[in-house]
Amino acid sequence: MSLTLPMYFSCPYCMAPNDVEVDEVNDIDQEQTVDCQICCSPITLTVTTNFNDDIELRVEQENG
């Protein structure tokens, strides 16, 4: 059994598709900075849950 969930998002700079592995237990309500897999720009990711306890990613330009 995998402890991570693959999630996908678009880069806020170049709109390229990116993926990230999310730990469903430890990453909730955490913020991390990752680089776009295409243009290498810094992206701030925040892992949250919605009212149905589904995991969601909030993606923003770093310092934006």
N, C-alpha and C. Protein backbone atom coordinates (compact mmCIF):
# COMPACT_ATOMS: atom_id res chain seq x y z
N MET A 1 0.84 -1.18 0.00
CA MET A 1 0.00 0.00 0.00
C MET A 1 0.89 1.25 0.00
N SER A 2 0.57 2.16 -0.87
CA SER A 2 1.34 3.41 -0.96
C SER A 2 0.89 4.38 0.12
N LEU A 3 1.83 5.10 0.69
CA LEU A 3 1.52 6.09 1.71
C LEU A 3 1.32 7.47 1.12
N THR A 4 1.53 7.60 -0.18
CA THR A 4 1.38 8.90 -0.83
C THR A 4 0.33 8.84 -1.92
N LEU A 5 -0.20 10.01 -2.22
CA LEU A 5 -1.23 10.15 -3.25
C LEU A 5 -0.67 11.04 -4.36
N PRO A 6 -0.64 10.56 -5.61
CA PRO A 6 -0.17 11.44 -6.68
C PRO A 6 -1.20 12.53 -6.97
N MET A 7 -0.74 13.77 -7.05
CA MET A 7 -1.63 14.90 -7.35
C MET A 7 -1.01 15.68 -8.51
N TYR A 8 -1.86 16.35 -9.25
CA TYR A 8 -1.43 17.07 -10.44
C TYR A 8 -1.89 18.52 -10.38
N PHE A 9 -1.08 19.42 -10.93
CA PHE A 9 -1.42 20.84 -10.96
C PHE A 9 -0.71 21.49 -12.14
N SER A 10 -1.17 22.68 -12.50
CA SER A 10 -0.54 23.46 -13.56
C SER A 10 0.35 24.52 -12.96
N CYS A 11 1.50 24.73 -13.56
CA CYS A 11 2.42 25.77 -13.11
C CYS A 11 1.76 27.13 -13.29
N PRO A 12 1.78 28.00 -12.26
CA PRO A 12 1.17 29.32 -12.40
C PRO A 12 1.98 30.27 -13.29
N TYR A 13 3.17 29.88 -13.68
CA TYR A 13 4.00 30.71 -14.57
C TYR A 13 3.84 30.30 -16.03
N CYS A 14 4.09 29.01 -16.33
CA CYS A 14 4.10 28.55 -17.72
C CYS A 14 2.92 27.64 -18.07
N MET A 15 2.08 27.33 -17.08
CA MET A 15 0.89 26.48 -17.24
C MET A 15 1.20 25.03 -17.61
N ALA A 16 2.44 24.62 -17.49
CA ALA A 16 2.82 23.23 -17.77
C ALA A 16 2.27 22.32 -16.69
N PRO A 17 1.86 21.10 -17.05
CA PRO A 17 1.40 20.15 -16.04
C PRO A 17 2.57 19.68 -15.18
N ASN A 18 2.32 19.55 -13.89
CA ASN A 18 3.30 19.08 -12.91
C ASN A 18 2.63 18.05 -12.03
N ASP A 19 3.43 17.24 -11.36
CA ASP A 19 2.88 16.29 -10.41
C ASP A 19 3.68 16.34 -9.12
N VAL A 20 3.04 15.92 -8.05
CA VAL A 20 3.68 15.89 -6.74
C VAL A 20 3.05 14.75 -5.95
N GLU A 21 3.82 14.14 -5.07
CA GLU A 21 3.31 13.09 -4.18
C GLU A 21 2.90 13.73 -2.86
N VAL A 22 1.68 13.46 -2.41
CA VAL A 22 1.16 14.04 -1.17
C VAL A 22 0.96 12.93 -0.15
N ASP A 23 1.53 13.12 1.03
CA ASP A 23 1.32 12.20 2.15
C ASP A 23 -0.02 12.58 2.79
N GLU A 24 -0.99 11.69 2.69
CA GLU A 24 -2.36 11.98 3.14
C GLU A 24 -2.47 12.22 4.64
N VAL A 25 -1.48 11.79 5.41
CA VAL A 25 -1.53 11.96 6.86
C VAL A 25 -0.73 13.19 7.30
N ASN A 26 0.49 13.31 6.81
CA ASN A 26 1.41 14.33 7.32
C ASN A 26 1.46 15.64 6.54
N ASP A 27 0.96 15.67 5.32
CA ASP A 27 1.07 16.89 4.50
C ASP A 27 -0.13 17.83 4.59
N ILE A 28 -1.20 17.43 5.25
CA ILE A 28 -2.39 18.27 5.34
C ILE A 28 -2.06 19.55 6.11
N ASP A 29 -2.51 20.68 5.57
CA ASP A 29 -2.28 22.01 6.14
C ASP A 29 -0.80 22.40 6.17
N GLN A 30 -0.01 21.79 5.30
CA GLN A 30 1.40 22.14 5.18
C GLN A 30 1.62 22.95 3.91
N GLU A 31 2.59 23.83 3.96
CA GLU A 31 2.97 24.62 2.79
C GLU A 31 4.39 24.25 2.42
N GLN A 32 4.64 24.09 1.12
CA GLN A 32 5.98 23.78 0.66
C GLN A 32 6.25 24.53 -0.63
N THR A 33 7.52 24.76 -0.90
CA THR A 33 7.92 25.40 -2.15
C THR A 33 8.59 24.35 -3.02
N VAL A 34 8.10 24.23 -4.25
CA VAL A 34 8.66 23.30 -5.22
C VAL A 34 8.98 24.08 -6.49
N ASP A 35 9.85 23.53 -7.32
CA ASP A 35 10.16 24.14 -8.60
C ASP A 35 9.33 23.48 -9.69
N CYS A 36 8.89 24.29 -10.66
CA CYS A 36 8.18 23.75 -11.82
C CYS A 36 9.09 22.74 -12.51
N GLN A 37 8.54 21.62 -12.94
CA GLN A 37 9.32 20.59 -13.59
C GLN A 37 9.73 20.98 -15.00
N ILE A 38 9.15 22.06 -15.55
CA ILE A 38 9.48 22.52 -16.90
C ILE A 38 10.30 23.81 -16.87
N CYS A 39 9.75 24.88 -16.28
CA CYS A 39 10.42 26.19 -16.33
C CYS A 39 11.27 26.49 -15.08
N CYS A 40 11.23 25.64 -14.07
CA CYS A 40 12.03 25.76 -12.84
C CYS A 40 11.68 26.95 -11.96
N SER A 41 10.55 27.59 -12.19
CA SER A 41 10.12 28.71 -11.35
C SER A 41 9.62 28.18 -10.01
N PRO A 42 9.80 28.93 -8.92
CA PRO A 42 9.36 28.48 -7.60
C PRO A 42 7.84 28.59 -7.44
N ILE A 43 7.24 27.55 -6.92
CA ILE A 43 5.79 27.47 -6.73
C ILE A 43 5.51 27.14 -5.27
N THR A 44 4.58 27.86 -4.67
CA THR A 44 4.16 27.55 -3.31
C THR A 44 2.93 26.66 -3.37
N LEU A 45 3.03 25.48 -2.76
CA LEU A 45 1.92 24.52 -2.70
C LEU A 45 1.42 24.44 -1.27
N THR A 46 0.12 24.50 -1.11
CA THR A 46 -0.50 24.29 0.19
C THR A 46 -1.47 23.13 0.06
N VAL A 47 -1.31 22.13 0.92
CA VAL A 47 -2.16 20.95 0.90
C VAL A 47 -3.26 21.14 1.93
N THR A 48 -4.51 21.06 1.49
CA THR A 48 -5.66 21.24 2.38
C THR A 48 -6.69 20.16 2.11
N THR A 49 -7.73 20.15 2.92
CA THR A 49 -8.88 19.29 2.65
C THR A 49 -10.12 20.16 2.53
N ASN A 50 -11.09 19.70 1.75
CA ASN A 50 -12.34 20.45 1.62
C ASN A 50 -13.37 19.88 2.60
N PHE A 51 -14.61 20.34 2.50
CA PHE A 51 -15.64 19.91 3.45
C PHE A 51 -15.98 18.43 3.34
N ASN A 52 -15.60 17.78 2.23
CA ASN A 52 -15.80 16.33 2.07
C ASN A 52 -14.56 15.53 2.45
N ASP A 53 -13.56 16.20 3.03
CA ASP A 53 -12.27 15.60 3.38
C ASP A 53 -11.48 15.12 2.16
N ASP A 54 -11.78 15.68 0.98
CA ASP A 54 -10.97 15.42 -0.20
C ASP A 54 -9.73 16.31 -0.13
N ILE A 55 -8.60 15.77 -0.56
CA ILE A 55 -7.36 16.54 -0.53
C ILE A 55 -7.32 17.48 -1.73
N GLU A 56 -6.91 18.72 -1.46
CA GLU A 56 -6.81 19.73 -2.51
C GLU A 56 -5.44 20.41 -2.43
N LEU A 57 -4.97 20.88 -3.57
CA LEU A 57 -3.74 21.66 -3.64
C LEU A 57 -4.08 23.11 -3.96
N ARG A 58 -3.49 24.03 -3.23
CA ARG A 58 -3.57 25.44 -3.59
C ARG A 58 -2.20 25.80 -4.15
N VAL A 59 -2.18 26.31 -5.36
CA VAL A 59 -0.94 26.59 -6.08
C VAL A 59 -0.83 28.08 -6.32
N GLU A 60 0.31 28.67 -5.94
CA GLU A 60 0.54 30.10 -6.12
C GLU A 60 1.97 30.35 -6.55
N GLN A 61 2.18 31.48 -7.22
CA GLN A 61 3.55 31.91 -7.48
C GLN A 61 4.19 32.23 -6.14
N GLU A 62 5.46 31.86 -5.98
CA GLU A 62 6.14 32.17 -4.73
C GLU A 62 6.18 33.68 -4.56
N ASN A 63 5.89 34.15 -3.35
CA ASN A 63 5.82 35.58 -3.04
C ASN A 63 4.74 36.28 -3.84
N GLY A 64 3.71 35.53 -4.23
CA GLY A 64 2.66 36.17 -5.03
C GLY A 64 1.37 35.89 -4.44
